[in-house]
Amino acid sequence: CLLVKGWKAGASWSFPRGKKNKDEEDHACAIRE
């Protein structure tokens, strides 16, 4: 999750392996990626 800042700012970023779920925590995304 290199685009966490954009997500926390209220933006919707597209990740290389799909979008991060709204209810998915940042650390969960990092583990998945």
C-alpha atoms as a PDB file:
ATOM      1  CA  CYS A   1       0.000   0.000   0.000  1.00  0.00           C
ATOM      2  CA  LEU A   2       2.071   2.885  -1.236  1.00  0.00           C
ATOM      3  CA  LEU A   3      -0.964   5.075  -1.837  1.00  0.00           C
ATOM      4  CA  VAL A   4      -2.391   5.005   1.668  1.00  0.00           C
ATOM      5  CA  LYS A   5      -1.971   8.780   2.013  1.00  0.00           C
ATOM      6  CA  GLY A   6      -4.258   9.354  -0.945  1.00  0.00           C
ATOM      7  CA  TRP A   7      -6.865   6.987   0.492  1.00  0.00           C
ATOM      8  CA  LYS A   8      -6.819   8.644   3.899  1.00  0.00           C
ATOM      9  CA  ALA A   9      -7.195  12.002   2.202  1.00  0.00           C
ATOM     10  CA  GLY A  10     -10.547  10.830   0.873  1.00  0.00           C
ATOM     11  CA  ALA A  11      -9.393   9.863  -2.606  1.00  0.00           C
ATOM     12  CA  SER A  12     -10.031   6.536  -4.299  1.00  0.00           C
ATOM     13  CA  TRP A  13      -6.767   5.098  -5.605  1.00  0.00           C
ATOM     14  CA  SER A  14      -6.369   2.053  -7.810  1.00  0.00           C
ATOM     15  CA  PHE A  15      -3.792  -0.446  -6.565  1.00  0.00           C
ATOM     16  CA  PRO A  16      -1.777  -2.780  -8.834  1.00  0.00           C
ATOM     17  CA  ARG A  17      -3.839  -5.717  -7.548  1.00  0.00           C
ATOM     18  CA  GLY A  18      -7.208  -4.055  -7.254  1.00  0.00           C
ATOM     19  CA  LYS A  19      -8.780  -1.379  -5.072  1.00  0.00           C
ATOM     20  CA  LYS A  20      -8.584  -1.436  -1.305  1.00  0.00           C
ATOM     21  CA  ASN A  21     -11.934  -2.143   0.311  1.00  0.00           C
ATOM     22  CA  LYS A  22     -13.464   0.697   2.295  1.00  0.00           C
ATOM     23  CA  ASP A  23     -13.670  -1.520   5.367  1.00  0.00           C
ATOM     24  CA  GLU A  24     -10.163  -2.890   4.910  1.00  0.00           C
ATOM     25  CA  GLU A  25      -7.559  -1.557   7.312  1.00  0.00           C
ATOM     26  CA  ASP A  26      -4.268  -0.191   5.987  1.00  0.00           C
ATOM     27  CA  HIS A  27      -2.245  -2.937   7.666  1.00  0.00           C
ATOM     28  CA  ALA A  28      -4.548  -5.565   6.172  1.00  0.00           C
ATOM     29  CA  CYS A  29      -3.941  -4.152   2.719  1.00  0.00           C
ATOM     30  CA  ALA A  30      -0.198  -4.125   3.324  1.00  0.00           C
ATOM     31  CA  ILE A  31      -0.313  -7.786   4.348  1.00  0.00           C
ATOM     32  CA  ARG A  32      -2.373  -8.678   1.285  1.00  0.00           C
ATOM     33  CA  GLU A  33      -0.088  -6.822  -1.082  1.00  0.00           C
END
